[in-house]
Amino acid sequence: MDKGQKKDFKKYLEELDDPKNNQEVNYALPENPTPLQVAKFEICQEILGYKLDNDLTREQVAEKIGISKAETEDILFCHIEEFTLDRLVEYASKLLEPIQVKVILEPKKISLHAKAV
C-alpha cells in the first residue's frame, strides 16, 4: 500500500468512526414503538426483502421505485423517521405489485406475572 492509499484508507476509517456518520446504520425500532413506527419499519423490511430476494443493487431498487439512491438507502436501512407511512406504501406498491395494506386493530396483550409471597 503506497502513501496515498494509506492516507485514503485512514480518512475512510475516520469517516466510519465519526458519530455523525450514520448513513449506513440499520436502525432498529425504539424500545416501545408506536403502531405507526412498527408499520413503517415492516414496510422497509419488505422492501429490503424484495431487494435481497431479487439480488438487486441499491441503484436498481431506486430506479424501480423512481427515487434517489440516497432515499432508497434510507428505506433499506430502516430510517423510518425520514418517511410518512403513505410515501412508504406508495414506494412498496411500485415493487411489490399487487400490494394490499391491512390494518389490524387489536388490544395489546399485557403480561401479568404473579409473584408468590
PDB file of N, CA and C in Angstrom:
ATOM      1  N   MET A   1       0.860  -1.163   0.000  1.00  0.00           N
ATOM      2  CA  MET A   1       0.000   0.000   0.000  1.00  0.00           C
ATOM      3  C   MET A   1       0.905   1.224   0.000  1.00  0.00           C
ATOM      4  N   ASP A   2       0.700   2.106  -0.991  1.00  0.00           N
ATOM      5  CA  ASP A   2       1.537   3.299  -1.039  1.00  0.00           C
ATOM      6  C   ASP A   2       0.994   4.373  -0.088  1.00  0.00           C
ATOM      7  N   LYS A   3       1.739   5.471   0.004  1.00  0.00           N
ATOM      8  CA  LYS A   3       1.416   6.528   0.960  1.00  0.00           C
ATOM      9  C   LYS A   3       0.022   7.129   0.714  1.00  0.00           C
ATOM     10  N   GLY A   4      -0.325   7.332  -0.547  1.00  0.00           N
ATOM     11  CA  GLY A   4      -1.632   7.894  -0.896  1.00  0.00           C
ATOM     12  C   GLY A   4      -2.770   6.975  -0.514  1.00  0.00           C
ATOM     13  N   GLN A   5      -2.577   5.668  -0.732  1.00  0.00           N
ATOM     14  CA  GLN A   5      -3.618   4.695  -0.379  1.00  0.00           C
ATOM     15  C   GLN A   5      -3.804   4.630   1.140  1.00  0.00           C
ATOM     16  N   LYS A   6      -2.673   4.707   1.876  1.00  0.00           N
ATOM     17  CA  LYS A   6      -2.762   4.694   3.340  1.00  0.00           C
ATOM     18  C   LYS A   6      -3.530   5.915   3.845  1.00  0.00           C
ATOM     19  N   LYS A   7      -3.265   7.080   3.216  1.00  0.00           N
ATOM     20  CA  LYS A   7      -3.940   8.310   3.612  1.00  0.00           C
ATOM     21  C   LYS A   7      -5.442   8.205   3.326  1.00  0.00           C
ATOM     22  N   ASP A   8      -5.809   7.658   2.149  1.00  0.00           N
ATOM     23  CA  ASP A   8      -7.214   7.487   1.801  1.00  0.00           C
ATOM     24  C   ASP A   8      -7.896   6.516   2.751  1.00  0.00           C
ATOM     25  N   PHE A   9      -7.207   5.427   3.091  1.00  0.00           N
ATOM     26  CA  PHE A   9      -7.777   4.431   3.990  1.00  0.00           C
ATOM     27  C   PHE A   9      -7.962   5.023   5.383  1.00  0.00           C
ATOM     28  N   LYS A  10      -6.995   5.810   5.833  1.00  0.00           N
ATOM     29  CA  LYS A  10      -7.089   6.445   7.145  1.00  0.00           C
ATOM     30  C   LYS A  10      -8.289   7.405   7.179  1.00  0.00           C
ATOM     31  N   LYS A  11      -8.485   8.154   6.095  1.00  0.00           N
ATOM     32  CA  LYS A  11      -9.618   9.075   6.011  1.00  0.00           C
ATOM     33  C   LYS A  11     -10.930   8.278   6.044  1.00  0.00           C
ATOM     34  N   TYR A  12     -10.974   7.159   5.339  1.00  0.00           N
ATOM     35  CA  TYR A  12     -12.154   6.301   5.317  1.00  0.00           C
ATOM     36  C   TYR A  12     -12.479   5.812   6.730  1.00  0.00           C
ATOM     37  N   LEU A  13     -11.457   5.362   7.467  1.00  0.00           N
ATOM     38  CA  LEU A  13     -11.672   4.891   8.836  1.00  0.00           C
ATOM     39  C   LEU A  13     -12.158   6.016   9.743  1.00  0.00           C
ATOM     40  N   GLU A  14     -11.629   7.221   9.551  1.00  0.00           N
ATOM     41  CA  GLU A  14     -12.073   8.360  10.351  1.00  0.00           C
ATOM     42  C   GLU A  14     -13.541   8.666  10.087  1.00  0.00           C
ATOM     43  N   GLU A  15     -13.965   8.559   8.829  1.00  0.00           N
ATOM     44  CA  GLU A  15     -15.361   8.801   8.489  1.00  0.00           C
ATOM     45  C   GLU A  15     -16.265   7.759   9.144  1.00  0.00           C
ATOM     46  N   LEU A  16     -15.818   6.513   9.178  1.00  0.00           N
ATOM     47  CA  LEU A  16     -16.606   5.454   9.811  1.00  0.00           C
ATOM     48  C   LEU A  16     -16.761   5.700  11.307  1.00  0.00           C
ATOM     49  N   ASP A  17     -15.718   6.217  11.946  1.00  0.00           N
ATOM     50  CA  ASP A  17     -15.742   6.459  13.382  1.00  0.00           C
ATOM     51  C   ASP A  17     -16.484   7.741  13.759  1.00  0.00           C
ATOM     52  N   ASP A  18     -16.768   8.599  12.783  1.00  0.00           N
ATOM     53  CA  ASP A  18     -17.447   9.865  13.039  1.00  0.00           C
ATOM     54  C   ASP A  18     -18.870   9.582  13.524  1.00  0.00           C
ATOM     55  N   PRO A  19     -19.234  10.048  14.727  1.00  0.00           N
ATOM     56  CA  PRO A  19     -20.583   9.771  15.237  1.00  0.00           C
ATOM     57  C   PRO A  19     -21.685  10.386  14.383  1.00  0.00           C
ATOM     58  N   LYS A  20     -21.358  11.385  13.564  1.00  0.00           N
ATOM     59  CA  LYS A  20     -22.353  11.989  12.684  1.00  0.00           C
ATOM     60  C   LYS A  20     -22.590  11.151  11.436  1.00  0.00           C
ATOM     61  N   ASN A  21     -21.727  10.167  11.189  1.00  0.00           N
ATOM     62  CA  ASN A  21     -21.852   9.316  10.009  1.00  0.00           C
ATOM     63  C   ASN A  21     -22.747   8.134  10.348  1.00  0.00           C
ATOM     64  N   ASN A  22     -24.031   8.285  10.071  1.00  0.00           N
ATOM     65  CA  ASN A  22     -24.956   7.191  10.343  1.00  0.00           C
ATOM     66  C   ASN A  22     -25.687   6.769   9.078  1.00  0.00           C
ATOM     67  N   GLN A  23     -25.105   7.058   7.940  1.00  0.00           N
ATOM     68  CA  GLN A  23     -25.751   6.782   6.666  1.00  0.00           C
ATOM     69  C   GLN A  23     -26.056   5.305   6.483  1.00  0.00           C
ATOM     70  N   GLU A  24     -25.127   4.429   6.805  1.00  0.00           N
ATOM     71  CA  GLU A  24     -25.333   3.015   6.555  1.00  0.00           C
ATOM     72  C   GLU A  24     -25.560   2.226   7.841  1.00  0.00           C
ATOM     73  N   VAL A  25     -26.232   2.852   8.778  1.00  0.00           N
ATOM     74  CA  VAL A  25     -26.575   2.181  10.022  1.00  0.00           C
ATOM     75  C   VAL A  25     -27.995   1.661   9.877  1.00  0.00           C
ATOM     76  N   ASN A  26     -28.178   0.375  10.111  1.00  0.00           N
ATOM     77  CA  ASN A  26     -29.507  -0.206  10.032  1.00  0.00           C
ATOM     78  C   ASN A  26     -30.197   0.035  11.362  1.00  0.00           C
ATOM     79  N   TYR A  27     -31.217   0.853  11.338  1.00  0.00           N
ATOM     80  CA  TYR A  27     -31.911   1.228  12.553  1.00  0.00           C
ATOM     81  C   TYR A  27     -32.857   0.124  13.014  1.00  0.00           C
ATOM     82  N   ALA A  28     -32.990  -0.001  14.300  1.00  0.00           N
ATOM     83  CA  ALA A  28     -33.964  -0.910  14.895  1.00  0.00           C
ATOM     84  C   ALA A  28     -35.121  -0.059  15.405  1.00  0.00           C
ATOM     85  N   LEU A  29     -36.187  -0.718  15.745  1.00  0.00           N
ATOM     86  CA  LEU A  29     -37.303   0.009  16.334  1.00  0.00           C
ATOM     87  C   LEU A  29     -36.921   0.504  17.721  1.00  0.00           C
ATOM     88  N   PRO A  30     -37.505   1.622  18.146  1.00  0.00           N
ATOM     89  CA  PRO A  30     -37.255   2.070  19.514  1.00  0.00           C
ATOM     90  C   PRO A  30     -37.825   1.068  20.512  1.00  0.00           C
ATOM     91  N   GLU A  31     -37.500   1.237  21.770  1.00  0.00           N
ATOM     92  CA  GLU A  31     -37.893   0.274  22.802  1.00  0.00           C
ATOM     93  C   GLU A  31     -39.400   0.059  22.874  1.00  0.00           C
ATOM     94  N   ASN A  32     -40.169   1.102  22.858  1.00  0.00           N
ATOM     95  CA  ASN A  32     -41.635   0.998  22.894  1.00  0.00           C
ATOM     96  C   ASN A  32     -42.208   1.673  21.648  1.00  0.00           C
ATOM     97  N   PRO A  33     -42.136   0.984  20.497  1.00  0.00           N
ATOM     98  CA  PRO A  33     -42.551   1.634  19.257  1.00  0.00           C
ATOM     99  C   PRO A  33     -44.058   1.861  19.192  1.00  0.00           C
ATOM    100  N   THR A  34     -44.417   2.921  18.501  1.00  0.00           N
ATOM    101  CA  THR A  34     -45.828   3.185  18.252  1.00  0.00           C
ATOM    102  C   THR A  34     -46.284   2.276  17.115  1.00  0.00           C
ATOM    103  N   PRO A  35     -47.589   2.083  16.961  1.00  0.00           N
ATOM    104  CA  PRO A  35     -48.078   1.291  15.832  1.00  0.00           C
ATOM    105  C   PRO A  35     -47.617   1.863  14.482  1.00  0.00           C
ATOM    106  N   LEU A  36     -47.533   3.175  14.379  1.00  0.00           N
ATOM    107  CA  LEU A  36     -47.072   3.801  13.145  1.00  0.00           C
ATOM    108  C   LEU A  36     -45.611   3.444  12.862  1.00  0.00           C
ATOM    109  N   GLN A  37     -44.777   3.493  13.887  1.00  0.00           N
ATOM    110  CA  GLN A  37     -43.372   3.126  13.709  1.00  0.00           C
ATOM    111  C   GLN A  37     -43.232   1.669  13.282  1.00  0.00           C
ATOM    112  N   VAL A  38     -44.028   0.794  13.873  1.00  0.00           N
ATOM    113  CA  VAL A  38     -43.979  -0.628  13.517  1.00  0.00           C
ATOM    114  C   VAL A  38     -44.390  -0.817  12.064  1.00  0.00           C
ATOM    115  N   ALA A  39     -45.457  -0.149  11.639  1.00  0.00           N
ATOM    116  CA  ALA A  39     -45.931  -0.277  10.263  1.00  0.00           C
ATOM    117  C   ALA A  39     -44.868   0.194   9.272  1.00  0.00           C
ATOM    118  N   LYS A  40     -44.254   1.338   9.544  1.00  0.00           N
ATOM    119  CA  LYS A  40     -43.222   1.855   8.636  1.00  0.00           C
ATOM    120  C   LYS A  40     -42.005   0.933   8.609  1.00  0.00           C
ATOM    121  N   PHE A  41     -41.626   0.418   9.768  1.00  0.00           N
ATOM    122  CA  PHE A  41     -40.488  -0.496   9.850  1.00  0.00           C
ATOM    123  C   PHE A  41     -40.759  -1.758   9.032  1.00  0.00           C
ATOM    124  N   GLU A  42     -41.960  -2.312   9.158  1.00  0.00           N
ATOM    125  CA  GLU A  42     -42.297  -3.531   8.433  1.00  0.00           C
ATOM    126  C   GLU A  42     -42.284  -3.314   6.916  1.00  0.00           C
ATOM    127  N   ILE A  43     -42.731  -2.153   6.467  1.00  0.00           N
ATOM    128  CA  ILE A  43     -42.683  -1.865   5.026  1.00  0.00           C
ATOM    129  C   ILE A  43     -41.230  -1.777   4.569  1.00  0.00           C
ATOM    130  N   CYS A  44     -40.397  -1.114   5.341  1.00  0.00           N
ATOM    131  CA  CYS A  44     -38.962  -1.038   4.993  1.00  0.00           C
ATOM    132  C   CYS A  44     -38.365  -2.437   4.905  1.00  0.00           C
ATOM    133  N   GLN A  45     -38.733  -3.308   5.846  1.00  0.00           N
ATOM    134  CA  GLN A  45     -38.229  -4.676   5.844  1.00  0.00           C
ATOM    135  C   GLN A  45     -38.708  -5.436   4.610  1.00  0.00           C
ATOM    136  N   GLU A  46     -39.940  -5.205   4.176  1.00  0.00           N
ATOM    137  CA  GLU A  46     -40.468  -5.850   2.970  1.00  0.00           C
ATOM    138  C   GLU A  46     -39.690  -5.398   1.734  1.00  0.00           C
ATOM    139  N   ILE A  47     -39.390  -4.114   1.665  1.00  0.00           N
ATOM    140  CA  ILE A  47     -38.628  -3.585   0.522  1.00  0.00           C
ATOM    141  C   ILE A  47     -37.223  -4.168   0.537  1.00  0.00           C
ATOM    142  N   LEU A  48     -36.600  -4.246   1.701  1.00  0.00           N
ATOM    143  CA  LEU A  48     -35.276  -4.853   1.815  1.00  0.00           C
ATOM    144  C   LEU A  48     -35.337  -6.317   1.391  1.00  0.00           C
ATOM    145  N   GLY A  49     -36.355  -7.029   1.836  1.00  0.00           N
ATOM    146  CA  GLY A  49     -36.520  -8.432   1.451  1.00  0.00           C
ATOM    147  C   GLY A  49     -36.643  -8.590  -0.057  1.00  0.00           C
ATOM    148  N   TYR A  50     -37.389  -7.694  -0.690  1.00  0.00           N
ATOM    149  CA  TYR A  50     -37.535  -7.725  -2.150  1.00  0.00           C
ATOM    150  C   TYR A  50     -36.169  -7.541  -2.819  1.00  0.00           C
ATOM    151  N   LYS A  51     -35.399  -6.589  -2.308  1.00  0.00           N
ATOM    152  CA  LYS A  51     -34.066  -6.338  -2.859  1.00  0.00           C
ATOM    153  C   LYS A  51     -33.198  -7.584  -2.760  1.00  0.00           C
ATOM    154  N   LEU A  52     -33.196  -8.205  -1.582  1.00  0.00           N
ATOM    155  CA  LEU A  52     -32.361  -9.384  -1.353  1.00  0.00           C
ATOM    156  C   LEU A  52     -32.848 -10.591  -2.152  1.00  0.00           C
ATOM    157  N   ASP A  53     -34.165 -10.818  -2.168  1.00  0.00           N
ATOM    158  CA  ASP A  53     -34.728 -11.962  -2.887  1.00  0.00           C
ATOM    159  C   ASP A  53     -34.454 -11.886  -4.388  1.00  0.00           C
ATOM    160  N   ASN A  54     -34.420 -10.662  -4.911  1.00  0.00           N
ATOM    161  CA  ASN A  54     -34.231 -10.469  -6.350  1.00  0.00           C
ATOM    162  C   ASN A  54     -32.804 -10.091  -6.712  1.00  0.00           C
ATOM    163  N   ASP A  55     -31.904 -10.123  -5.709  1.00  0.00           N
ATOM    164  CA  ASP A  55     -30.484  -9.843  -5.920  1.00  0.00           C
ATOM    165  C   ASP A  55     -30.265  -8.532  -6.676  1.00  0.00           C
ATOM    166  N   LEU A  56     -30.917  -7.464  -6.183  1.00  0.00           N
ATOM    167  CA  LEU A  56     -30.838  -6.156  -6.815  1.00  0.00           C
ATOM    168  C   LEU A  56     -29.827  -5.267  -6.089  1.00  0.00           C
ATOM    169  N   THR A  57     -29.270  -4.340  -6.826  1.00  0.00           N
ATOM    170  CA  THR A  57     -28.414  -3.327  -6.210  1.00  0.00           C
ATOM    171  C   THR A  57     -29.305  -2.214  -5.661  1.00  0.00           C
ATOM    172  N   ARG A  58     -28.735  -1.364  -4.859  1.00  0.00           N
ATOM    173  CA  ARG A  58     -29.480  -0.211  -4.344  1.00  0.00           C
ATOM    174  C   ARG A  58     -29.950   0.674  -5.495  1.00  0.00           C
ATOM    175  N   GLU A  59     -29.090   0.818  -6.491  1.00  0.00           N
ATOM    176  CA  GLU A  59     -29.423   1.639  -7.646  1.00  0.00           C
ATOM    177  C   GLU A  59     -30.617   1.067  -8.409  1.00  0.00           C
ATOM    178  N   GLN A  60     -30.672  -0.254  -8.540  1.00  0.00           N
ATOM    179  CA  GLN A  60     -31.783  -0.887  -9.243  1.00  0.00           C
ATOM    180  C   GLN A  60     -33.094  -0.707  -8.485  1.00  0.00           C
ATOM    181  N   VAL A  61     -33.036  -0.802  -7.171  1.00  0.00           N
ATOM    182  CA  VAL A  61     -34.236  -0.585  -6.359  1.00  0.00           C
ATOM    183  C   VAL A  61     -34.689   0.866  -6.513  1.00  0.00           C
ATOM    184  N   ALA A  62     -33.746   1.790  -6.433  1.00  0.00           N
ATOM    185  CA  ALA A  62     -34.075   3.215  -6.581  1.00  0.00           C
ATOM    186  C   ALA A  62     -34.740   3.479  -7.926  1.00  0.00           C
ATOM    187  N   GLU A  63     -34.215   2.870  -8.965  1.00  0.00           N
ATOM    188  CA  GLU A  63     -34.767   3.061 -10.309  1.00  0.00           C
ATOM    189  C   GLU A  63     -36.183   2.503 -10.397  1.00  0.00           C
ATOM    190  N   LYS A  64     -36.412   1.321  -9.835  1.00  0.00           N
ATOM    191  CA  LYS A  64     -37.737   0.702  -9.882  1.00  0.00           C
ATOM    192  C   LYS A  64     -38.774   1.542  -9.129  1.00  0.00           C
ATOM    193  N   ILE A  65     -38.353   2.134  -8.005  1.00  0.00           N
ATOM    194  CA  ILE A  65     -39.276   2.949  -7.216  1.00  0.00           C
ATOM    195  C   ILE A  65     -39.420   4.337  -7.830  1.00  0.00           C
ATOM    196  N   GLY A  66     -38.333   4.827  -8.440  1.00  0.00           N
ATOM    197  CA  GLY A  66     -38.355   6.171  -9.013  1.00  0.00           C
ATOM    198  C   GLY A  66     -37.926   7.239  -8.025  1.00  0.00           C
ATOM    199  N   ILE A  67     -36.985   6.874  -7.140  1.00  0.00           N
ATOM    200  CA  ILE A  67     -36.457   7.824  -6.162  1.00  0.00           C
ATOM    201  C   ILE A  67     -34.932   7.794  -6.210  1.00  0.00           C
ATOM    202  N   SER A  68     -34.311   8.682  -5.449  1.00  0.00           N
ATOM    203  CA  SER A  68     -32.848   8.754  -5.443  1.00  0.00           C
ATOM    204  C   SER A  68     -32.241   7.555  -4.714  1.00  0.00           C
ATOM    205  N   LYS A  69     -30.964   7.311  -4.984  1.00  0.00           N
ATOM    206  CA  LYS A  69     -30.252   6.237  -4.289  1.00  0.00           C
ATOM    207  C   LYS A  69     -30.193   6.533  -2.783  1.00  0.00           C
ATOM    208  N   ALA A  70     -29.962   7.787  -2.430  1.00  0.00           N
ATOM    209  CA  ALA A  70     -29.870   8.162  -1.008  1.00  0.00           C
ATOM    210  C   ALA A  70     -31.189   7.889  -0.286  1.00  0.00           C
ATOM    211  N   GLU A  71     -32.298   8.219  -0.921  1.00  0.00           N
ATOM    212  CA  GLU A  71     -33.601   7.971  -0.307  1.00  0.00           C
ATOM    213  C   GLU A  71     -33.859   6.466  -0.192  1.00  0.00           C
ATOM    214  N   THR A  72     -33.437   5.722  -1.199  1.00  0.00           N
ATOM    215  CA  THR A  72     -33.568   4.263  -1.170  1.00  0.00           C
ATOM    216  C   THR A  72     -32.764   3.679  -0.019  1.00  0.00           C
ATOM    217  N   GLU A  73     -31.558   4.193   0.180  1.00  0.00           N
ATOM    218  CA  GLU A  73     -30.729   3.713   1.284  1.00  0.00           C
ATOM    219  C   GLU A  73     -31.397   3.987   2.626  1.00  0.00           C
ATOM    220  N   ASP A  74     -32.063   5.130   2.748  1.00  0.00           N
ATOM    221  CA  ASP A  74     -32.783   5.421   3.991  1.00  0.00           C
ATOM    222  C   ASP A  74     -33.861   4.370   4.245  1.00  0.00           C
ATOM    223  N   ILE A  75     -34.518   3.916   3.186  1.00  0.00           N
ATOM    224  CA  ILE A  75     -35.534   2.871   3.332  1.00  0.00           C
ATOM    225  C   ILE A  75     -34.873   1.551   3.714  1.00  0.00           C
ATOM    226  N   LEU A  76     -33.824   1.185   2.983  1.00  0.00           N
ATOM    227  CA  LEU A  76     -33.178  -0.107   3.199  1.00  0.00           C
ATOM    228  C   LEU A  76     -32.545  -0.218   4.583  1.00  0.00           C
ATOM    229  N   PHE A  77     -32.151   0.918   5.159  1.00  0.00           N
ATOM    230  CA  PHE A  77     -31.558   0.916   6.500  1.00  0.00           C
ATOM    231  C   PHE A  77     -32.579   1.302   7.571  1.00  0.00           C
ATOM    232  N   CYS A  78     -33.853   1.282   7.186  1.00  0.00           N
ATOM    233  CA  CYS A  78     -34.967   1.498   8.130  1.00  0.00           C
ATOM    234  C   CYS A  78     -34.903   2.833   8.865  1.00  0.00           C
ATOM    235  N   HIS A  79     -34.564   3.887   8.153  1.00  0.00           N
ATOM    236  CA  HIS A  79     -34.582   5.221   8.744  1.00  0.00           C
ATOM    237  C   HIS A  79     -36.027   5.730   8.650  1.00  0.00           C
ATOM    238  N   ILE A  80     -36.902   5.134   9.446  1.00  0.00           N
ATOM    239  CA  ILE A  80     -38.341   5.350   9.310  1.00  0.00           C
ATOM    240  C   ILE A  80     -38.771   6.784   9.597  1.00  0.00           C
ATOM    241  N   GLU A  81     -37.977   7.516  10.352  1.00  0.00           N
ATOM    242  CA  GLU A  81     -38.342   8.899  10.669  1.00  0.00           C
ATOM    243  C   GLU A  81     -38.262   9.801   9.436  1.00  0.00           C
ATOM    244  N   GLU A  82     -37.646   9.320   8.378  1.00  0.00           N
ATOM    245  CA  GLU A  82     -37.494  10.104   7.146  1.00  0.00           C
ATOM    246  C   GLU A  82     -38.722  10.029   6.236  1.00  0.00           C
ATOM    247  N   PHE A  83     -39.680   9.150   6.566  1.00  0.00           N
ATOM    248  CA  PHE A  83     -40.790   8.886   5.649  1.00  0.00           C
ATOM    249  C   PHE A  83     -42.130   8.908   6.361  1.00  0.00           C
ATOM    250  N   THR A  84     -43.145   9.294   5.602  1.00  0.00           N
ATOM    251  CA  THR A  84     -44.508   9.140   6.084  1.00  0.00           C
ATOM    252  C   THR A  84     -44.967   7.746   5.665  1.00  0.00           C
ATOM    253  N   LEU A  85     -45.976   7.247   6.330  1.00  0.00           N
ATOM    254  CA  LEU A  85     -46.492   5.924   6.012  1.00  0.00           C
ATOM    255  C   LEU A  85     -47.025   5.872   4.582  1.00  0.00           C
ATOM    256  N   ASP A  86     -47.721   6.915   4.161  1.00  0.00           N
ATOM    257  CA  ASP A  86     -48.284   6.885   2.810  1.00  0.00           C
ATOM    258  C   ASP A  86     -47.201   6.862   1.734  1.00  0.00           C
ATOM    259  N   ARG A  87     -46.097   7.554   1.962  1.00  0.00           N
ATOM    260  CA  ARG A  87     -44.993   7.500   0.988  1.00  0.00           C
ATOM    261  C   ARG A  87     -44.399   6.101   0.916  1.00  0.00           C
ATOM    262  N   LEU A  88     -44.202   5.471   2.064  1.00  0.00           N
ATOM    263  CA  LEU A  88     -43.647   4.121   2.064  1.00  0.00           C
ATOM    264  C   LEU A  88     -44.583   3.129   1.376  1.00  0.00           C
ATOM    265  N   VAL A  89     -45.873   3.275   1.597  1.00  0.00           N
ATOM    266  CA  VAL A  89     -46.845   2.403   0.930  1.00  0.00           C
ATOM    267  C   VAL A  89     -46.772   2.617  -0.577  1.00  0.00           C
ATOM    268  N   GLU A  90     -46.684   3.858  -0.998  1.00  0.00           N
ATOM    269  CA  GLU A  90     -46.572   4.169  -2.434  1.00  0.00           C
ATOM    270  C   GLU A  90     -45.313   3.533  -3.028  1.00  0.00           C
ATOM    271  N   TYR A  91     -44.178   3.648  -2.338  1.00  0.00           N
ATOM    272  CA  TYR A  91     -42.927   3.073  -2.839  1.00  0.00           C
ATOM    273  C   TYR A  91     -43.015   1.548  -2.893  1.00  0.00           C
ATOM    274  N   ALA A  92     -43.571   0.948  -1.845  1.00  0.00           N
ATOM    275  CA  ALA A  92     -43.691  -0.508  -1.804  1.00  0.00           C
ATOM    276  C   ALA A  92     -44.592  -1.004  -2.933  1.00  0.00           C
ATOM    277  N   SER A  93     -45.634  -0.244  -3.253  1.00  0.00           N
ATOM    278  CA  SER A  93     -46.561  -0.670  -4.304  1.00  0.00           C
ATOM    279  C   SER A  93     -45.901  -0.683  -5.672  1.00  0.00           C
ATOM    280  N   LYS A  94     -44.831   0.067  -5.840  1.00  0.00           N
ATOM    281  CA  LYS A  94     -44.110   0.060  -7.117  1.00  0.00           C
ATOM    282  C   LYS A  94     -43.231  -1.183  -7.268  1.00  0.00           C
ATOM    283  N   LEU A  95     -42.904  -1.813  -6.151  1.00  0.00           N
ATOM    284  CA  LEU A  95     -42.063  -3.015  -6.174  1.00  0.00           C
ATOM    285  C   LEU A  95     -42.867  -4.297  -5.997  1.00  0.00           C
ATOM    286  N   LEU A  96     -43.824  -4.265  -5.117  1.00  0.00           N
ATOM    287  CA  LEU A  96     -44.466  -5.476  -4.642  1.00  0.00           C
ATOM    288  C   LEU A  96     -45.872  -5.662  -5.204  1.00  0.00           C
ATOM    289  N   GLU A  97     -46.071  -5.307  -6.454  1.00  0.00           N
ATOM    290  CA  GLU A  97     -47.415  -5.418  -7.024  1.00  0.00           C
ATOM    291  C   GLU A  97     -47.807  -6.865  -7.197  1.00  0.00           C
ATOM    292  N   PRO A  98     -49.010  -7.271  -6.953  1.00  0.00           N
ATOM    293  CA  PRO A  98     -50.043  -6.439  -6.324  1.00  0.00           C
ATOM    294  C   PRO A  98     -49.791  -6.340  -4.822  1.00  0.00           C
ATOM    295  N   ILE A  99     -50.145  -5.213  -4.276  1.00  0.00           N
ATOM    296  CA  ILE A  99     -49.937  -4.983  -2.843  1.00  0.00           C
ATOM    297  C   ILE A  99     -51.279  -4.699  -2.193  1.00  0.00           C
ATOM    298  N   GLN A 100     -51.413  -5.161  -0.982  1.00  0.00           N
ATOM    299  CA  GLN A 100     -52.605  -4.893  -0.198  1.00  0.00           C
ATOM    300  C   GLN A 100     -52.138  -4.493   1.193  1.00  0.00           C
ATOM    301  N   VAL A 101     -52.694  -3.421   1.690  1.00  0.00           N
ATOM    302  CA  VAL A 101     -52.350  -2.948   3.023  1.00  0.00           C
ATOM    303  C   VAL A 101     -53.541  -3.235   3.933  1.00  0.00           C
ATOM    304  N   LYS A 102     -53.270  -3.912   5.044  1.00  0.00           N
ATOM    305  CA  LYS A 102     -54.313  -4.205   6.021  1.00  0.00           C
ATOM    306  C   LYS A 102     -53.921  -3.579   7.348  1.00  0.00           C
ATOM    307  N   VAL A 103     -54.901  -3.035   8.003  1.00  0.00           N
ATOM    308  CA  VAL A 103     -54.693  -2.511   9.340  1.00  0.00           C
ATOM    309  C   VAL A 103     -55.482  -3.409  10.284  1.00  0.00           C
ATOM    310  N   ILE A 104     -54.787  -3.987  11.217  1.00  0.00           N
ATOM    311  CA  ILE A 104     -55.427  -4.873  12.177  1.00  0.00           C
ATOM    312  C   ILE A 104     -55.344  -4.209  13.545  1.00  0.00           C
ATOM    313  N   LEU A 105     -56.495  -3.904  14.077  1.00  0.00           N
ATOM    314  CA  LEU A 105     -56.549  -3.266  15.388  1.00  0.00           C
ATOM    315  C   LEU A 105     -56.930  -4.320  16.412  1.00  0.00           C
ATOM    316  N   GLU A 106     -56.037  -4.552  17.335  1.00  0.00           N
ATOM    317  CA  GLU A 106     -56.329  -5.481  18.409  1.00  0.00           C
ATOM    318  C   GLU A 106     -55.656  -4.988  19.674  1.00  0.00           C
ATOM    319  N   PRO A 107     -56.291  -5.252  20.803  1.00  0.00           N
ATOM    320  CA  PRO A 107     -55.711  -4.785  22.057  1.00  0.00           C
ATOM    321  C   PRO A 107     -54.358  -5.441  22.309  1.00  0.00           C
ATOM    322  N   LYS A 108     -53.477  -4.664  22.852  1.00  0.00           N
ATOM    323  CA  LYS A 108     -52.152  -5.166  23.196  1.00  0.00           C
ATOM    324  C   LYS A 108     -52.285  -6.077  24.406  1.00  0.00           C
ATOM    325  N   LYS A 109     -51.635  -7.218  24.336  1.00  0.00           N
ATOM    326  CA  LYS A 109     -51.676  -8.154  25.454  1.00  0.00           C
ATOM    327  C   LYS A 109     -50.636  -7.736  26.486  1.00  0.00           C
ATOM    328  N   ILE A 110     -51.098  -7.603  27.697  1.00  0.00           N
ATOM    329  CA  ILE A 110     -50.203  -7.225  28.784  1.00  0.00           C
ATOM    330  C   ILE A 110     -49.927  -8.470  29.607  1.00  0.00           C
ATOM    331  N   SER A 111     -48.670  -8.735  29.809  1.00  0.00           N
ATOM    332  CA  SER A 111     -48.271  -9.907  30.574  1.00  0.00           C
ATOM    333  C   SER A 111     -48.214  -9.528  32.055  1.00  0.00           C
ATOM    334  N   LEU A 112     -49.019 -10.216  32.832  1.00  0.00           N
ATOM    335  CA  LEU A 112     -49.008 -10.011  34.277  1.00  0.00           C
ATOM    336  C   LEU A 112     -48.364 -11.222  34.928  1.00  0.00           C
ATOM    337  N   HIS A 113     -47.385 -10.975  35.710  1.00  0.00           N
ATOM    338  CA  HIS A 113     -46.686 -12.048  36.412  1.00  0.00           C
ATOM    339  C   HIS A 113     -47.078 -12.048  37.873  1.00  0.00           C
ATOM    340  N   ALA A 114     -47.604 -13.160  38.347  1.00  0.00           N
ATOM    341  CA  ALA A 114     -47.946 -13.276  39.765  1.00  0.00           C
ATOM    342  C   ALA A 114     -46.689 -13.686  40.526  1.00  0.00           C
ATOM    343  N   LYS A 115     -46.495 -13.088  41.637  1.00  0.00           N
ATOM    344  CA  LYS A 115     -45.321 -13.365  42.432  1.00  0.00           C
ATOM    345  C   LYS A 115     -45.765 -14.052  43.734  1.00  0.00           C
ATOM    346  N   ALA A 116     -45.231 -15.224  43.979  1.00  0.00           N
ATOM    347  CA  ALA A 116     -45.571 -15.943  45.211  1.00  0.00           C
ATOM    348  C   ALA A 116     -44.892 -15.273  46.394  1.00  0.00           C
ATOM    349  N   VAL A 117     -45.672 -15.120  47.452  1.00  0.00           N
ATOM    350  CA  VAL A 117     -45.136 -14.471  48.649  1.00  0.00           C
ATOM    351  C   VAL A 117     -44.970 -15.464  49.742  1.00  0.00           C
TER     352      VAL A 117
END
